[in-house]
Amino acid sequence: MTLADFNRDYLPIVQSVITLLGLISVVLLWWQIRLTRKWNKIDAAFRSMDVDKFAQIEADAIDAGRTIGLLITNVLSTADAKAIRATSTVLLKVKNFVIFLDKQAVGYLAGYFDDDVFANTYGPLIRGYAKSLAQYIEFTRVDTENPEAYVDLEKAAEKLTADYNARQRKR
């Protein structure tokens, strides 16, 4: 067999096999990157969910609210919001809690977390507290002249509520 015979008979087959192996490796690399990205989003959701920190911040806010006769898990009125903002120790605890919730909402809206993991863990909390703290948030915006305050918390609550309602309709 001469080099010309090899080039004519076998080289196209060898080139096809090498090209096919290259294509398969690109597809496998794409698949691995896709799975790694999914895992990283799930991992990020669980890393941000510092349950002990959340429990402590929530307990501090609830305890602080009780000192002025409020239960922040209930829907607050404008008068309740004024009372919170008028008492510095209560304000600091409630503000810290709302900022924590807003920070989680920012990560969720930015796509940093896996949607299903976040919706099933922080979803009910974000939806509930956005509703109960709505007057506090609104009064804070007016009082601090900051109309952007906690917008992400509200957007996340709306999105989580819409997703929750859509899942309930499918059942």
C-alpha atoms as a PDB file:
ATOM      1  CA  MET A   1       0.000   0.000   0.000  1.00  0.00           C
ATOM      2  CA  THR A   2       1.346   3.354  -0.949  1.00  0.00           C
ATOM      3  CA  LEU A   3       0.870   6.688   0.743  1.00  0.00           C
ATOM      4  CA  ALA A   4      -1.482   7.739  -2.056  1.00  0.00           C
ATOM      5  CA  ASP A   5      -3.625   4.606  -1.448  1.00  0.00           C
ATOM      6  CA  PHE A   6      -3.712   5.287   2.303  1.00  0.00           C
ATOM      7  CA  ASN A   7      -4.692   8.929   1.725  1.00  0.00           C
ATOM      8  CA  ARG A   8      -7.454   7.868  -0.659  1.00  0.00           C
ATOM      9  CA  ASP A   9      -8.831   4.827   1.219  1.00  0.00           C
ATOM     10  CA  TYR A  10      -8.215   5.289   4.957  1.00  0.00           C
ATOM     11  CA  LEU A  11      -7.497   8.944   5.703  1.00  0.00           C
ATOM     12  CA  PRO A  12     -11.135  10.116   5.261  1.00  0.00           C
ATOM     13  CA  ILE A  13     -12.260   7.423   7.724  1.00  0.00           C
ATOM     14  CA  VAL A  14      -9.578   8.408  10.258  1.00  0.00           C
ATOM     15  CA  GLN A  15     -10.517  12.094   9.874  1.00  0.00           C
ATOM     16  CA  SER A  16     -14.216  11.288  10.352  1.00  0.00           C
ATOM     17  CA  VAL A  17     -13.536   9.271  13.513  1.00  0.00           C
ATOM     18  CA  ILE A  18     -11.358  12.057  14.971  1.00  0.00           C
ATOM     19  CA  THR A  19     -14.002  14.673  14.104  1.00  0.00           C
ATOM     20  CA  LEU A  20     -16.740  12.541  15.693  1.00  0.00           C
ATOM     21  CA  LEU A  21     -14.683  12.099  18.879  1.00  0.00           C
ATOM     22  CA  GLY A  22     -14.102  15.856  18.998  1.00  0.00           C
ATOM     23  CA  LEU A  23     -17.822  16.541  18.615  1.00  0.00           C
ATOM     24  CA  ILE A  24     -18.676  14.031  21.335  1.00  0.00           C
ATOM     25  CA  SER A  25     -16.162  15.649  23.690  1.00  0.00           C
ATOM     26  CA  VAL A  26     -17.684  19.102  23.037  1.00  0.00           C
ATOM     27  CA  VAL A  27     -21.190  17.779  23.778  1.00  0.00           C
ATOM     28  CA  LEU A  28     -19.980  16.105  26.982  1.00  0.00           C
ATOM     29  CA  LEU A  29     -18.199  19.288  28.039  1.00  0.00           C
ATOM     30  CA  TRP A  30     -21.380  21.323  27.425  1.00  0.00           C
ATOM     31  CA  TRP A  31     -23.393  18.817  29.466  1.00  0.00           C
ATOM     32  CA  GLN A  32     -20.895  18.920  32.321  1.00  0.00           C
ATOM     33  CA  ILE A  33     -20.921  22.734  32.384  1.00  0.00           C
ATOM     34  CA  ARG A  34     -24.726  22.721  32.413  1.00  0.00           C
ATOM     35  CA  LEU A  35     -24.882  20.290  35.331  1.00  0.00           C
ATOM     36  CA  THR A  36     -22.188  22.189  37.219  1.00  0.00           C
ATOM     37  CA  ARG A  37     -24.128  25.425  36.779  1.00  0.00           C
ATOM     38  CA  LYS A  38     -27.291  23.801  38.126  1.00  0.00           C
ATOM     39  CA  TRP A  39     -25.406  22.377  41.085  1.00  0.00           C
ATOM     40  CA  ASN A  40     -23.812  25.756  41.820  1.00  0.00           C
ATOM     41  CA  LYS A  41     -27.241  27.436  41.889  1.00  0.00           C
ATOM     42  CA  ILE A  42     -28.575  24.809  44.286  1.00  0.00           C
ATOM     43  CA  ASP A  43     -25.453  25.045  46.409  1.00  0.00           C
ATOM     44  CA  ALA A  44     -25.660  28.848  46.472  1.00  0.00           C
ATOM     45  CA  ALA A  45     -29.258  28.661  47.664  1.00  0.00           C
ATOM     46  CA  PHE A  46     -28.341  26.361  50.539  1.00  0.00           C
ATOM     47  CA  ARG A  47     -25.208  28.336  51.452  1.00  0.00           C
ATOM     48  CA  SER A  48     -27.205  31.564  51.703  1.00  0.00           C
ATOM     49  CA  MET A  49     -29.876  29.933  53.818  1.00  0.00           C
ATOM     50  CA  ASP A  50     -28.165  30.338  57.123  1.00  0.00           C
ATOM     51  CA  VAL A  51     -31.053  28.960  59.137  1.00  0.00           C
ATOM     52  CA  ASP A  52     -29.498  29.789  62.492  1.00  0.00           C
ATOM     53  CA  LYS A  53     -28.830  33.383  61.458  1.00  0.00           C
ATOM     54  CA  PHE A  54     -32.346  33.749  60.038  1.00  0.00           C
ATOM     55  CA  ALA A  55     -33.906  32.297  63.179  1.00  0.00           C
ATOM     56  CA  GLN A  56     -31.908  34.660  65.393  1.00  0.00           C
ATOM     57  CA  ILE A  57     -32.668  37.760  63.332  1.00  0.00           C
ATOM     58  CA  GLU A  58     -36.355  36.842  63.143  1.00  0.00           C
ATOM     59  CA  ALA A  59     -36.536  36.155  66.897  1.00  0.00           C
ATOM     60  CA  ASP A  60     -34.782  39.464  67.652  1.00  0.00           C
ATOM     61  CA  ALA A  61     -37.264  41.358  65.469  1.00  0.00           C
ATOM     62  CA  ILE A  62     -40.268  39.598  66.996  1.00  0.00           C
ATOM     63  CA  ASP A  63     -38.987  40.185  70.539  1.00  0.00           C
ATOM     64  CA  ALA A  64     -38.254  43.842  69.775  1.00  0.00           C
ATOM     65  CA  GLY A  65     -41.751  44.292  68.354  1.00  0.00           C
ATOM     66  CA  ARG A  66     -43.264  42.793  71.499  1.00  0.00           C
ATOM     67  CA  THR A  67     -41.549  45.450  73.620  1.00  0.00           C
ATOM     68  CA  ILE A  68     -43.877  48.029  72.036  1.00  0.00           C
ATOM     69  CA  GLY A  69     -46.887  45.704  71.897  1.00  0.00           C
ATOM     70  CA  LEU A  70     -46.594  44.550  68.268  1.00  0.00           C
ATOM     71  CA  LEU A  71     -46.334  41.161  66.667  1.00  0.00           C
ATOM     72  CA  ILE A  72     -44.495  41.690  63.376  1.00  0.00           C
ATOM     73  CA  THR A  73     -45.815  38.434  61.964  1.00  0.00           C
ATOM     74  CA  ASN A  74     -49.253  40.082  61.842  1.00  0.00           C
ATOM     75  CA  VAL A  75     -50.136  42.583  59.128  1.00  0.00           C
ATOM     76  CA  LEU A  76     -48.883  45.905  60.439  1.00  0.00           C
ATOM     77  CA  SER A  77     -50.754  49.187  60.141  1.00  0.00           C
ATOM     78  CA  THR A  78     -49.272  52.590  59.381  1.00  0.00           C
ATOM     79  CA  ALA A  79     -49.482  53.398  63.108  1.00  0.00           C
ATOM     80  CA  ASP A  80     -47.516  50.227  63.860  1.00  0.00           C
ATOM     81  CA  ALA A  81     -44.894  51.245  61.304  1.00  0.00           C
ATOM     82  CA  LYS A  82     -44.625  54.688  62.905  1.00  0.00           C
ATOM     83  CA  ALA A  83     -44.191  53.081  66.329  1.00  0.00           C
ATOM     84  CA  ILE A  84     -41.399  50.852  65.006  1.00  0.00           C
ATOM     85  CA  ARG A  85     -39.573  53.760  63.371  1.00  0.00           C
ATOM     86  CA  ALA A  86     -40.023  55.900  66.513  1.00  0.00           C
ATOM     87  CA  THR A  87     -38.263  53.385  68.791  1.00  0.00           C
ATOM     88  CA  SER A  88     -34.598  53.036  67.897  1.00  0.00           C
ATOM     89  CA  THR A  89     -33.990  49.599  69.441  1.00  0.00           C
ATOM     90  CA  VAL A  90     -37.050  48.149  67.710  1.00  0.00           C
ATOM     91  CA  LEU A  91     -36.188  49.915  64.462  1.00  0.00           C
ATOM     92  CA  LEU A  92     -32.689  48.429  64.396  1.00  0.00           C
ATOM     93  CA  LYS A  93     -33.940  44.874  64.931  1.00  0.00           C
ATOM     94  CA  VAL A  94     -36.809  45.103  62.430  1.00  0.00           C
ATOM     95  CA  LYS A  95     -34.645  46.926  59.893  1.00  0.00           C
ATOM     96  CA  ASN A  96     -31.965  44.225  60.208  1.00  0.00           C
ATOM     97  CA  PHE A  97     -34.603  41.565  59.603  1.00  0.00           C
ATOM     98  CA  VAL A  98     -36.092  43.325  56.563  1.00  0.00           C
ATOM     99  CA  ILE A  99     -32.615  43.889  55.103  1.00  0.00           C
ATOM    100  CA  PHE A 100     -31.876  40.167  55.525  1.00  0.00           C
ATOM    101  CA  LEU A 101     -35.085  39.274  53.666  1.00  0.00           C
ATOM    102  CA  ASP A 102     -34.328  41.870  50.978  1.00  0.00           C
ATOM    103  CA  LYS A 103     -30.834  40.447  50.511  1.00  0.00           C
ATOM    104  CA  GLN A 104     -32.304  36.992  49.906  1.00  0.00           C
ATOM    105  CA  ALA A 105     -34.791  38.510  47.467  1.00  0.00           C
ATOM    106  CA  VAL A 106     -32.003  40.225  45.516  1.00  0.00           C
ATOM    107  CA  GLY A 107     -30.179  36.903  45.108  1.00  0.00           C
ATOM    108  CA  TYR A 108     -33.370  35.208  43.993  1.00  0.00           C
ATOM    109  CA  LEU A 109     -34.267  37.877  41.428  1.00  0.00           C
ATOM    110  CA  ALA A 110     -30.710  37.919  40.086  1.00  0.00           C
ATOM    111  CA  GLY A 111     -30.966  34.194  39.376  1.00  0.00           C
ATOM    112  CA  TYR A 112     -28.246  33.347  41.872  1.00  0.00           C
ATOM    113  CA  PHE A 113     -30.375  30.660  43.506  1.00  0.00           C
ATOM    114  CA  ASP A 114     -32.223  27.682  42.098  1.00  0.00           C
ATOM    115  CA  ASP A 115     -35.835  28.846  41.764  1.00  0.00           C
ATOM    116  CA  ASP A 116     -37.448  25.671  43.114  1.00  0.00           C
ATOM    117  CA  VAL A 117     -35.154  25.400  46.126  1.00  0.00           C
ATOM    118  CA  PHE A 118     -35.665  29.055  47.003  1.00  0.00           C
ATOM    119  CA  ALA A 119     -39.421  28.951  46.418  1.00  0.00           C
ATOM    120  CA  ASN A 120     -39.815  25.961  48.705  1.00  0.00           C
ATOM    121  CA  THR A 121     -37.638  27.303  51.516  1.00  0.00           C
ATOM    122  CA  TYR A 122     -37.684  31.096  51.647  1.00  0.00           C
ATOM    123  CA  GLY A 123     -40.730  31.496  49.399  1.00  0.00           C
ATOM    124  CA  PRO A 124     -43.388  31.257  52.116  1.00  0.00           C
ATOM    125  CA  LEU A 125     -41.358  33.517  54.409  1.00  0.00           C
ATOM    126  CA  ILE A 126     -40.770  36.187  51.764  1.00  0.00           C
ATOM    127  CA  ARG A 127     -44.430  36.117  50.710  1.00  0.00           C
ATOM    128  CA  GLY A 128     -45.684  36.277  54.299  1.00  0.00           C
ATOM    129  CA  TYR A 129     -43.350  38.932  55.618  1.00  0.00           C
ATOM    130  CA  ALA A 130     -43.696  41.119  52.527  1.00  0.00           C
ATOM    131  CA  LYS A 131     -47.425  41.155  53.241  1.00  0.00           C
ATOM    132  CA  SER A 132     -47.174  41.713  56.993  1.00  0.00           C
ATOM    133  CA  LEU A 133     -44.455  44.368  56.697  1.00  0.00           C
ATOM    134  CA  ALA A 134     -45.966  46.200  53.699  1.00  0.00           C
ATOM    135  CA  GLN A 135     -47.012  49.260  55.717  1.00  0.00           C
ATOM    136  CA  TYR A 136     -43.634  49.394  57.464  1.00  0.00           C
ATOM    137  CA  ILE A 137     -41.895  49.293  54.076  1.00  0.00           C
ATOM    138  CA  GLU A 138     -44.176  51.977  52.646  1.00  0.00           C
ATOM    139  CA  PHE A 139     -43.762  54.222  55.694  1.00  0.00           C
ATOM    140  CA  THR A 140     -39.975  53.720  55.582  1.00  0.00           C
ATOM    141  CA  ARG A 141     -39.916  54.876  51.965  1.00  0.00           C
ATOM    142  CA  VAL A 142     -41.785  58.044  52.838  1.00  0.00           C
ATOM    143  CA  ASP A 143     -39.913  58.658  56.115  1.00  0.00           C
ATOM    144  CA  THR A 144     -36.469  58.206  54.555  1.00  0.00           C
ATOM    145  CA  GLU A 145     -37.447  59.751  51.191  1.00  0.00           C
ATOM    146  CA  ASN A 146     -36.189  56.608  49.488  1.00  0.00           C
ATOM    147  CA  PRO A 147     -38.837  55.247  47.094  1.00  0.00           C
ATOM    148  CA  GLU A 148     -36.514  52.375  46.111  1.00  0.00           C
ATOM    149  CA  ALA A 149     -36.263  50.905  49.621  1.00  0.00           C
ATOM    150  CA  TYR A 150     -36.976  47.174  49.675  1.00  0.00           C
ATOM    151  CA  VAL A 151     -38.306  47.107  46.097  1.00  0.00           C
ATOM    152  CA  ASP A 152     -36.589  43.762  45.497  1.00  0.00           C
ATOM    153  CA  LEU A 153     -38.379  42.234  48.472  1.00  0.00           C
ATOM    154  CA  GLU A 154     -41.721  43.266  47.010  1.00  0.00           C
ATOM    155  CA  LYS A 155     -40.801  42.079  43.499  1.00  0.00           C
ATOM    156  CA  ALA A 156     -39.631  38.727  44.821  1.00  0.00           C
ATOM    157  CA  ALA A 157     -42.821  38.361  46.856  1.00  0.00           C
ATOM    158  CA  GLU A 158     -44.942  39.099  43.776  1.00  0.00           C
ATOM    159  CA  LYS A 159     -42.999  36.639  41.645  1.00  0.00           C
ATOM    160  CA  LEU A 160     -43.079  33.943  44.337  1.00  0.00           C
ATOM    161  CA  THR A 161     -46.814  34.478  44.840  1.00  0.00           C
ATOM    162  CA  ALA A 162     -47.506  34.232  41.106  1.00  0.00           C
ATOM    163  CA  ASP A 163     -45.391  31.059  40.854  1.00  0.00           C
ATOM    164  CA  TYR A 164     -47.089  29.587  43.934  1.00  0.00           C
ATOM    165  CA  ASN A 165     -50.554  30.329  42.532  1.00  0.00           C
ATOM    166  CA  ALA A 166     -49.590  28.797  39.179  1.00  0.00           C
ATOM    167  CA  ARG A 167     -48.387  25.618  40.932  1.00  0.00           C
ATOM    168  CA  GLN A 168     -51.614  25.434  42.941  1.00  0.00           C
ATOM    169  CA  ARG A 169     -53.733  25.714  39.793  1.00  0.00           C
ATOM    170  CA  LYS A 170     -51.829  22.813  38.208  1.00  0.00           C
ATOM    171  CA  ARG A 171     -52.744  20.513  41.093  1.00  0.00           C
END
